[in-house]
PDB file of all heavy atoms in Angstrom:
ATOM      1  N   GLY A   1      45.191 -36.022 -12.439  1.00  0.00           N
ATOM      2  CA  GLY A   1      45.388 -34.746 -13.105  1.00  0.00           C
ATOM      3  C   GLY A   1      44.431 -34.438 -14.238  1.00  0.00           C
ATOM      4  O   GLY A   1      44.441 -33.328 -14.754  1.00  0.00           O
ATOM      5  N   ILE A   2      43.589 -35.400 -14.659  1.00  0.00           N
ATOM      6  CA  ILE A   2      42.682 -35.141 -15.773  1.00  0.00           C
ATOM      7  C   ILE A   2      41.542 -34.242 -15.315  1.00  0.00           C
ATOM      8  O   ILE A   2      41.297 -33.182 -15.867  1.00  0.00           O
ATOM      9  CB  ILE A   2      42.143 -36.465 -16.344  1.00  0.00           C
ATOM     10  CG1 ILE A   2      43.316 -37.337 -16.828  1.00  0.00           C
ATOM     11  CG2 ILE A   2      41.184 -36.186 -17.488  1.00  0.00           C
ATOM     12  CD1 ILE A   2      44.161 -36.701 -17.884  1.00  0.00           C
ATOM     13  N   GLY A   3      40.799 -34.664 -14.295  1.00  0.00           N
ATOM     14  CA  GLY A   3      39.769 -33.816 -13.722  1.00  0.00           C
ATOM     15  C   GLY A   3      38.453 -33.883 -14.468  1.00  0.00           C
ATOM     16  O   GLY A   3      38.361 -34.256 -15.636  1.00  0.00           O
ATOM     17  N   ASN A   4      37.408 -33.503 -13.739  1.00  0.00           N
ATOM     18  CA  ASN A   4      36.068 -33.568 -14.295  1.00  0.00           C
ATOM     19  C   ASN A   4      35.788 -32.442 -15.271  1.00  0.00           C
ATOM     20  O   ASN A   4      34.967 -32.586 -16.176  1.00  0.00           O
ATOM     21  CB  ASN A   4      35.042 -33.529 -13.155  1.00  0.00           C
ATOM     22  CG  ASN A   4      33.645 -33.839 -13.632  1.00  0.00           C
ATOM     23  OD1 ASN A   4      33.463 -34.722 -14.455  1.00  0.00           O
ATOM     24  ND2 ASN A   4      32.661 -33.120 -13.118  1.00  0.00           N
ATOM     25  N   ALA A   5      36.453 -31.302 -15.103  1.00  0.00           N
ATOM     26  CA  ALA A   5      36.179 -30.152 -15.964  1.00  0.00           C
ATOM     27  C   ALA A   5      36.507 -30.458 -17.431  1.00  0.00           C
ATOM     28  O   ALA A   5      35.756 -30.081 -18.342  1.00  0.00           O
ATOM     29  CB  ALA A   5      36.962 -28.935 -15.485  1.00  0.00           C
ATOM     30  N   SER A   6      37.627 -31.135 -17.658  1.00  0.00           N
ATOM     31  CA  SER A   6      38.015 -31.467 -19.033  1.00  0.00           C
ATOM     32  C   SER A   6      36.994 -32.406 -19.670  1.00  0.00           C
ATOM     33  O   SER A   6      36.599 -32.226 -20.831  1.00  0.00           O
ATOM     34  CB  SER A   6      39.405 -32.116 -19.048  1.00  0.00           C
ATOM     35  OG  SER A   6      40.373 -31.251 -18.496  1.00  0.00           O
ATOM     36  N   LEU A   7      36.557 -33.411 -18.916  1.00  0.00           N
ATOM     37  CA  LEU A   7      35.554 -34.339 -19.438  1.00  0.00           C
ATOM     38  C   LEU A   7      34.231 -33.630 -19.689  1.00  0.00           C
ATOM     39  O   LEU A   7      33.568 -33.859 -20.707  1.00  0.00           O
ATOM     40  CB  LEU A   7      35.346 -35.483 -18.449  1.00  0.00           C
ATOM     41  CG  LEU A   7      36.451 -36.535 -18.368  1.00  0.00           C
ATOM     42  CD1 LEU A   7      36.144 -37.510 -17.250  1.00  0.00           C
ATOM     43  CD2 LEU A   7      36.601 -37.267 -19.685  1.00  0.00           C
ATOM     44  N   ALA A   8      33.848 -32.752 -18.748  1.00  0.00           N
ATOM     45  CA  ALA A   8      32.581 -32.037 -18.902  1.00  0.00           C
ATOM     46  C   ALA A   8      32.595 -31.156 -20.145  1.00  0.00           C
ATOM     47  O   ALA A   8      31.575 -31.020 -20.834  1.00  0.00           O
ATOM     48  CB  ALA A   8      32.293 -31.201 -17.659  1.00  0.00           C
ATOM     49  N   ALA A   9      33.741 -30.566 -20.449  1.00  0.00           N
ATOM     50  CA  ALA A   9      33.837 -29.726 -21.639  1.00  0.00           C
ATOM     51  C   ALA A   9      33.644 -30.554 -22.910  1.00  0.00           C
ATOM     52  O   ALA A   9      32.985 -30.119 -23.868  1.00  0.00           O
ATOM     53  CB  ALA A   9      35.192 -29.013 -21.664  1.00  0.00           C
ATOM     54  N   LEU A  10      34.222 -31.753 -22.914  1.00  0.00           N
ATOM     55  CA  LEU A  10      34.052 -32.624 -24.077  1.00  0.00           C
ATOM     56  C   LEU A  10      32.600 -33.097 -24.206  1.00  0.00           C
ATOM     57  O   LEU A  10      32.035 -33.139 -25.307  1.00  0.00           O
ATOM     58  CB  LEU A  10      34.986 -33.832 -23.964  1.00  0.00           C
ATOM     59  CG  LEU A  10      36.486 -33.534 -24.023  1.00  0.00           C
ATOM     60  CD1 LEU A  10      37.286 -34.813 -23.763  1.00  0.00           C
ATOM     61  CD2 LEU A  10      36.867 -32.942 -25.369  1.00  0.00           C
ATOM     62  N   VAL A  11      31.996 -33.451 -23.067  1.00  0.00           N
ATOM     63  CA  VAL A  11      30.611 -33.907 -23.087  1.00  0.00           C
ATOM     64  C   VAL A  11      29.674 -32.785 -23.518  1.00  0.00           C
ATOM     65  O   VAL A  11      28.668 -33.018 -24.193  1.00  0.00           O
ATOM     66  CB  VAL A  11      30.215 -34.461 -21.701  1.00  0.00           C
ATOM     67  CG1 VAL A  11      28.723 -34.785 -21.647  1.00  0.00           C
ATOM     68  CG2 VAL A  11      31.024 -35.706 -21.377  1.00  0.00           C
ATOM     69  N   LEU A  12      30.012 -31.549 -23.146  1.00  0.00           N
ATOM     70  CA  LEU A  12      29.181 -30.409 -23.536  1.00  0.00           C
ATOM     71  C   LEU A  12      29.041 -30.328 -25.052  1.00  0.00           C
ATOM     72  O   LEU A  12      27.944 -30.100 -25.581  1.00  0.00           O
ATOM     73  CB  LEU A  12      29.798 -29.115 -22.993  1.00  0.00           C
ATOM     74  CG  LEU A  12      29.107 -27.812 -23.394  1.00  0.00           C
ATOM     75  CD1 LEU A  12      27.701 -27.755 -22.834  1.00  0.00           C
ATOM     76  CD2 LEU A  12      29.929 -26.614 -22.921  1.00  0.00           C
ATOM     77  N   VAL A  13      30.152 -30.534 -25.747  1.00  0.00           N
ATOM     78  CA  VAL A  13      30.122 -30.491 -27.210  1.00  0.00           C
ATOM     79  C   VAL A  13      29.311 -31.663 -27.766  1.00  0.00           C
ATOM     80  O   VAL A  13      28.533 -31.507 -28.710  1.00  0.00           O
ATOM     81  CB  VAL A  13      31.555 -30.505 -27.777  1.00  0.00           C
ATOM     82  CG1 VAL A  13      31.527 -30.514 -29.302  1.00  0.00           C
ATOM     83  CG2 VAL A  13      32.339 -29.308 -27.267  1.00  0.00           C
ATOM     84  N   ALA A  14      29.471 -32.846 -27.149  1.00  0.00           N
ATOM     85  CA  ALA A  14      28.803 -34.038 -27.659  1.00  0.00           C
ATOM     86  C   ALA A  14      27.297 -34.015 -27.413  1.00  0.00           C
ATOM     87  O   ALA A  14      26.552 -34.747 -28.077  1.00  0.00           O
ATOM     88  CB  ALA A  14      29.414 -35.282 -27.015  1.00  0.00           C
ATOM     89  N   THR A  15      26.835 -33.185 -26.469  1.00  0.00           N
ATOM     90  CA  THR A  15      25.414 -33.191 -26.108  1.00  0.00           C
ATOM     91  C   THR A  15      24.674 -31.956 -26.614  1.00  0.00           C
ATOM     92  O   THR A  15      23.580 -31.650 -26.116  1.00  0.00           O
ATOM     93  CB  THR A  15      25.253 -33.284 -24.579  1.00  0.00           C
ATOM     94  OG1 THR A  15      25.946 -32.169 -23.970  1.00  0.00           O
ATOM     95  CG2 THR A  15      25.830 -34.573 -24.049  1.00  0.00           C
ATOM     96  N   LEU A  16      25.226 -31.264 -27.570  1.00  0.00           N
ATOM     97  CA  LEU A  16      24.581 -30.047 -28.065  1.00  0.00           C
ATOM     98  C   LEU A  16      23.202 -30.325 -28.663  1.00  0.00           C
ATOM     99  O   LEU A  16      22.301 -29.491 -28.583  1.00  0.00           O
ATOM    100  CB  LEU A  16      25.475 -29.366 -29.101  1.00  0.00           C
ATOM    101  CG  LEU A  16      26.771 -28.722 -28.573  1.00  0.00           C
ATOM    102  CD1 LEU A  16      27.581 -28.143 -29.721  1.00  0.00           C
ATOM    103  CD2 LEU A  16      26.450 -27.648 -27.551  1.00  0.00           C
ATOM    104  N   GLY A  17      23.022 -31.491 -29.261  1.00  0.00           N
ATOM    105  CA  GLY A  17      21.742 -31.806 -29.882  1.00  0.00           C
ATOM    106  C   GLY A  17      20.772 -32.549 -28.989  1.00  0.00           C
ATOM    107  O   GLY A  17      19.716 -32.978 -29.456  1.00  0.00           O
ATOM    108  N   TRP A  18      21.117 -32.715 -27.703  1.00  0.00           N
ATOM    109  CA  TRP A  18      20.259 -33.465 -26.795  1.00  0.00           C
ATOM    110  C   TRP A  18      19.122 -32.589 -26.277  1.00  0.00           C
ATOM    111  O   TRP A  18      19.194 -31.354 -26.301  1.00  0.00           O
ATOM    112  CB  TRP A  18      21.065 -33.992 -25.614  1.00  0.00           C
ATOM    113  CG  TRP A  18      22.026 -35.090 -25.952  1.00  0.00           C
ATOM    114  CD1 TRP A  18      22.525 -35.400 -27.185  1.00  0.00           C
ATOM    115  CD2 TRP A  18      22.609 -36.010 -25.039  1.00  0.00           C
ATOM    116  NE1 TRP A  18      23.383 -36.463 -27.102  1.00  0.00           N
ATOM    117  CE2 TRP A  18      23.460 -36.866 -25.779  1.00  0.00           C
ATOM    118  CE3 TRP A  18      22.516 -36.216 -23.684  1.00  0.00           C
ATOM    119  CZ2 TRP A  18      24.195 -37.886 -25.205  1.00  0.00           C
ATOM    120  CZ3 TRP A  18      23.240 -37.236 -23.085  1.00  0.00           C
ATOM    121  CH2 TRP A  18      24.067 -38.063 -23.844  1.00  0.00           C
ATOM    122  N   ASP A  19      18.085 -33.251 -25.749  1.00  0.00           N
ATOM    123  CA  ASP A  19      17.005 -32.516 -25.095  1.00  0.00           C
ATOM    124  C   ASP A  19      17.439 -32.135 -23.681  1.00  0.00           C
ATOM    125  O   ASP A  19      18.354 -32.743 -23.117  1.00  0.00           O
ATOM    126  CB  ASP A  19      15.744 -33.375 -25.046  1.00  0.00           C
ATOM    127  CG  ASP A  19      15.936 -34.640 -24.235  1.00  0.00           C
ATOM    128  OD1 ASP A  19      16.405 -35.650 -24.822  1.00  0.00           O
ATOM    129  OD2 ASP A  19      15.647 -34.629 -23.022  1.00  0.00           O
ATOM    130  N   PRO A  20      16.808 -31.127 -23.051  1.00  0.00           N
ATOM    131  CA  PRO A  20      17.244 -30.643 -21.735  1.00  0.00           C
ATOM    132  C   PRO A  20      17.277 -31.717 -20.649  1.00  0.00           C
ATOM    133  O   PRO A  20      18.196 -31.731 -19.822  1.00  0.00           O
ATOM    134  CB  PRO A  20      16.217 -29.551 -21.411  1.00  0.00           C
ATOM    135  CG  PRO A  20      15.751 -29.072 -22.739  1.00  0.00           C
ATOM    136  CD  PRO A  20      15.747 -30.288 -23.623  1.00  0.00           C
ATOM    137  N   VAL A  21      16.297 -32.622 -20.626  1.00  0.00           N
ATOM    138  CA  VAL A  21      16.264 -33.647 -19.590  1.00  0.00           C
ATOM    139  C   VAL A  21      17.497 -34.547 -19.685  1.00  0.00           C
ATOM    140  O   VAL A  21      18.164 -34.837 -18.678  1.00  0.00           O
ATOM    141  CB  VAL A  21      14.973 -34.486 -19.695  1.00  0.00           C
ATOM    142  CG1 VAL A  21      15.043 -35.693 -18.753  1.00  0.00           C
ATOM    143  CG2 VAL A  21      13.762 -33.635 -19.370  1.00  0.00           C
ATOM    144  N   SER A  22      17.853 -34.978 -20.879  1.00  0.00           N
ATOM    145  CA  SER A  22      19.021 -35.846 -21.059  1.00  0.00           C
ATOM    146  C   SER A  22      20.302 -35.127 -20.675  1.00  0.00           C
ATOM    147  O   SER A  22      21.207 -35.720 -20.066  1.00  0.00           O
ATOM    148  CB  SER A  22      19.096 -36.320 -22.515  1.00  0.00           C
ATOM    149  OG  SER A  22      17.939 -37.059 -22.873  1.00  0.00           O
ATOM    150  N   VAL A  23      20.384 -33.858 -21.018  1.00  0.00           N
ATOM    151  CA  VAL A  23      21.579 -33.076 -20.670  1.00  0.00           C
ATOM    152  C   VAL A  23      21.727 -32.974 -19.163  1.00  0.00           C
ATOM    153  O   VAL A  23      22.827 -33.142 -18.606  1.00  0.00           O
ATOM    154  CB  VAL A  23      21.508 -31.679 -21.308  1.00  0.00           C
ATOM    155  CG1 VAL A  23      22.613 -30.781 -20.772  1.00  0.00           C
ATOM    156  CG2 VAL A  23      21.606 -31.787 -22.819  1.00  0.00           C
ATOM    157  N   LEU A  24      20.657 -32.689 -18.446  1.00  0.00           N
ATOM    158  CA  LEU A  24      20.720 -32.566 -16.995  1.00  0.00           C
ATOM    159  C   LEU A  24      21.060 -33.902 -16.345  1.00  0.00           C
ATOM    160  O   LEU A  24      21.791 -33.952 -15.349  1.00  0.00           O
ATOM    161  CB  LEU A  24      19.388 -32.041 -16.467  1.00  0.00           C
ATOM    162  CG  LEU A  24      19.047 -30.598 -16.857  1.00  0.00           C
ATOM    163  CD1 LEU A  24      17.645 -30.235 -16.405  1.00  0.00           C
ATOM    164  CD2 LEU A  24      20.063 -29.633 -16.252  1.00  0.00           C
ATOM    165  N   LEU A  25      20.539 -35.007 -16.887  1.00  0.00           N
ATOM    166  CA  LEU A  25      20.892 -36.331 -16.372  1.00  0.00           C
ATOM    167  C   LEU A  25      22.389 -36.595 -16.523  1.00  0.00           C
ATOM    168  O   LEU A  25      23.034 -37.110 -15.608  1.00  0.00           O
ATOM    169  CB  LEU A  25      20.092 -37.408 -17.110  1.00  0.00           C
ATOM    170  CG  LEU A  25      18.590 -37.483 -16.820  1.00  0.00           C
ATOM    171  CD1 LEU A  25      17.927 -38.480 -17.750  1.00  0.00           C
ATOM    172  CD2 LEU A  25      18.340 -37.843 -15.366  1.00  0.00           C
ATOM    173  N   MET A  26      22.947 -36.225 -17.664  1.00  0.00           N
ATOM    174  CA  MET A  26      24.362 -36.456 -17.907  1.00  0.00           C
ATOM    175  C   MET A  26      25.243 -35.596 -17.003  1.00  0.00           C
ATOM    176  O   MET A  26      26.197 -36.087 -16.378  1.00  0.00           O
ATOM    177  CB  MET A  26      24.678 -36.180 -19.381  1.00  0.00           C
ATOM    178  CG  MET A  26      26.159 -36.273 -19.731  1.00  0.00           C
ATOM    179  SD  MET A  26      26.886 -37.911 -19.394  1.00  0.00           S
ATOM    180  CE  MET A  26      26.167 -38.859 -20.753  1.00  0.00           C
ATOM    181  N   PHE A  27      24.929 -34.316 -16.880  1.00  0.00           N
ATOM    182  CA  PHE A  27      25.801 -33.429 -16.106  1.00  0.00           C
ATOM    183  C   PHE A  27      25.644 -33.647 -14.603  1.00  0.00           C
ATOM    184  O   PHE A  27      26.597 -33.434 -13.848  1.00  0.00           O
ATOM    185  CB  PHE A  27      25.533 -31.973 -16.484  1.00  0.00           C
ATOM    186  CG  PHE A  27      26.262 -31.548 -17.714  1.00  0.00           C
ATOM    187  CD1 PHE A  27      25.678 -31.672 -18.964  1.00  0.00           C
ATOM    188  CD2 PHE A  27      27.551 -31.058 -17.635  1.00  0.00           C
ATOM    189  CE1 PHE A  27      26.355 -31.300 -20.109  1.00  0.00           C
ATOM    190  CE2 PHE A  27      28.236 -30.688 -18.774  1.00  0.00           C
ATOM    191  CZ  PHE A  27      27.647 -30.808 -20.015  1.00  0.00           C
ATOM    192  N   GLY A  28      24.469 -34.067 -14.155  1.00  0.00           N
ATOM    193  CA  GLY A  28      24.345 -34.446 -12.753  1.00  0.00           C
ATOM    194  C   GLY A  28      25.218 -35.646 -12.437  1.00  0.00           C
ATOM    195  O   GLY A  28      25.868 -35.695 -11.381  1.00  0.00           O
ATOM    196  N   ALA A  29      25.273 -36.615 -13.355  1.00  0.00           N
ATOM    197  CA  ALA A  29      26.106 -37.798 -13.158  1.00  0.00           C
ATOM    198  C   ALA A  29      27.587 -37.454 -13.212  1.00  0.00           C
ATOM    199  O   ALA A  29      28.389 -37.985 -12.441  1.00  0.00           O
ATOM    200  CB  ALA A  29      25.771 -38.846 -14.217  1.00  0.00           C
ATOM    201  N   LEU A  30      27.975 -36.557 -14.121  1.00  0.00           N
ATOM    202  CA  LEU A  30      29.379 -36.159 -14.200  1.00  0.00           C
ATOM    203  C   LEU A  30      29.837 -35.502 -12.908  1.00  0.00           C
ATOM    204  O   LEU A  30      30.957 -35.725 -12.434  1.00  0.00           O
ATOM    205  CB  LEU A  30      29.588 -35.199 -15.379  1.00  0.00           C
ATOM    206  CG  LEU A  30      29.488 -35.788 -16.782  1.00  0.00           C
ATOM    207  CD1 LEU A  30      29.644 -34.685 -17.822  1.00  0.00           C
ATOM    208  CD2 LEU A  30      30.537 -36.867 -17.003  1.00  0.00           C
ATOM    209  N   THR A  31      28.980 -34.675 -12.321  1.00  0.00           N
ATOM    210  CA  THR A  31      29.337 -33.998 -11.073  1.00  0.00           C
ATOM    211  C   THR A  31      29.517 -34.992  -9.937  1.00  0.00           C
ATOM    212  O   THR A  31      30.484 -34.918  -9.172  1.00  0.00           O
ATOM    213  CB  THR A  31      28.237 -32.981 -10.698  1.00  0.00           C
ATOM    214  OG1 THR A  31      28.069 -32.052 -11.762  1.00  0.00           O
ATOM    215  CG2 THR A  31      28.607 -32.241  -9.423  1.00  0.00           C
ATOM    216  N   GLY A  32      28.608 -35.952  -9.815  1.00  0.00           N
ATOM    217  CA  GLY A  32      28.685 -36.912  -8.720  1.00  0.00           C
ATOM    218  C   GLY A  32      29.758 -37.956  -8.906  1.00  0.00           C
ATOM    219  O   GLY A  32      30.442 -38.328  -7.948  1.00  0.00           O
ATOM    220  N   GLY A  33      29.952 -38.436 -10.135  1.00  0.00           N
ATOM    221  CA  GLY A  33      30.912 -39.519 -10.359  1.00  0.00           C
ATOM    222  C   GLY A  33      32.346 -39.113 -10.170  1.00  0.00           C
ATOM    223  O   GLY A  33      33.195 -39.937  -9.803  1.00  0.00           O
ATOM    224  N   ALA A  34      32.645 -37.841 -10.403  1.00  0.00           N
ATOM    225  CA  ALA A  34      34.040 -37.398 -10.339  1.00  0.00           C
ATOM    226  C   ALA A  34      34.531 -37.236  -8.917  1.00  0.00           C
ATOM    227  O   ALA A  34      35.717 -37.422  -8.636  1.00  0.00           O
ATOM    228  CB  ALA A  34      34.190 -36.071 -11.093  1.00  0.00           C
ATOM    229  N   THR A  35      33.640 -36.887  -7.999  1.00  0.00           N
ATOM    230  CA  THR A  35      34.078 -36.478  -6.664  1.00  0.00           C
ATOM    231  C   THR A  35      34.747 -37.612  -5.907  1.00  0.00           C
ATOM    232  O   THR A  35      35.862 -37.466  -5.399  1.00  0.00           O
ATOM    233  CB  THR A  35      32.867 -35.949  -5.864  1.00  0.00           C
ATOM    234  OG1 THR A  35      32.228 -34.921  -6.611  1.00  0.00           O
ATOM    235  CG2 THR A  35      33.323 -35.402  -4.530  1.00  0.00           C
ATOM    236  N   PHE A  36      34.087 -38.759  -5.815  1.00  0.00           N
ATOM    237  CA  PHE A  36      34.633 -39.851  -5.016  1.00  0.00           C
ATOM    238  C   PHE A  36      35.841 -40.514  -5.662  1.00  0.00           C
ATOM    239  O   PHE A  36      36.828 -40.808  -4.994  1.00  0.00           O
ATOM    240  CB  PHE A  36      33.547 -40.897  -4.749  1.00  0.00           C
ATOM    241  CG  PHE A  36      34.092 -42.200  -4.226  1.00  0.00           C
ATOM    242  CD1 PHE A  36      34.674 -42.263  -2.979  1.00  0.00           C
ATOM    243  CD2 PHE A  36      34.043 -43.353  -4.995  1.00  0.00           C
ATOM    244  CE1 PHE A  36      35.191 -43.461  -2.497  1.00  0.00           C
ATOM    245  CE2 PHE A  36      34.550 -44.546  -4.526  1.00  0.00           C
ATOM    246  CZ  PHE A  36      35.125 -44.599  -3.270  1.00  0.00           C
ATOM    247  N   MET A  37      35.788 -40.751  -6.969  1.00  0.00           N
ATOM    248  CA  MET A  37      36.871 -41.507  -7.604  1.00  0.00           C
ATOM    249  C   MET A  37      38.199 -40.765  -7.560  1.00  0.00           C
ATOM    250  O   MET A  37      39.262 -41.381  -7.621  1.00  0.00           O
ATOM    251  CB  MET A  37      36.491 -41.832  -9.049  1.00  0.00           C
ATOM    252  CG  MET A  37      35.441 -42.925  -9.182  1.00  0.00           C
ATOM    253  SD  MET A  37      35.899 -44.473  -8.370  1.00  0.00           S
ATOM    254  CE  MET A  37      37.274 -44.984  -9.393  1.00  0.00           C
ATOM    255  N   GLY A  38      38.158 -39.440  -7.460  1.00  0.00           N
ATOM    256  CA  GLY A  38      39.418 -38.714  -7.312  1.00  0.00           C
ATOM    257  C   GLY A  38      40.137 -39.067  -6.030  1.00  0.00           C
ATOM    258  O   GLY A  38      41.361 -38.910  -5.926  1.00  0.00           O
ATOM    259  N   SER A  39      39.385 -39.571  -5.043  1.00  0.00           N
ATOM    260  CA  SER A  39      39.999 -39.953  -3.769  1.00  0.00           C
ATOM    261  C   SER A  39      40.694 -41.310  -3.849  1.00  0.00           C
ATOM    262  O   SER A  39      41.556 -41.607  -3.010  1.00  0.00           O
ATOM    263  CB  SER A  39      38.933 -39.997  -2.670  1.00  0.00           C
ATOM    264  OG  SER A  39      38.312 -38.740  -2.518  1.00  0.00           O
TER     265      SER A  39
END
């Protein structure tokens, strides 16, 4: 019931000062990591 959206929202705040490459690396990983483990 937690879901990736809640985590992504928290990470969004934590990565406000990051450079674009680091942000894209993090959000690409969040998208991929959440899908399988929910199963």
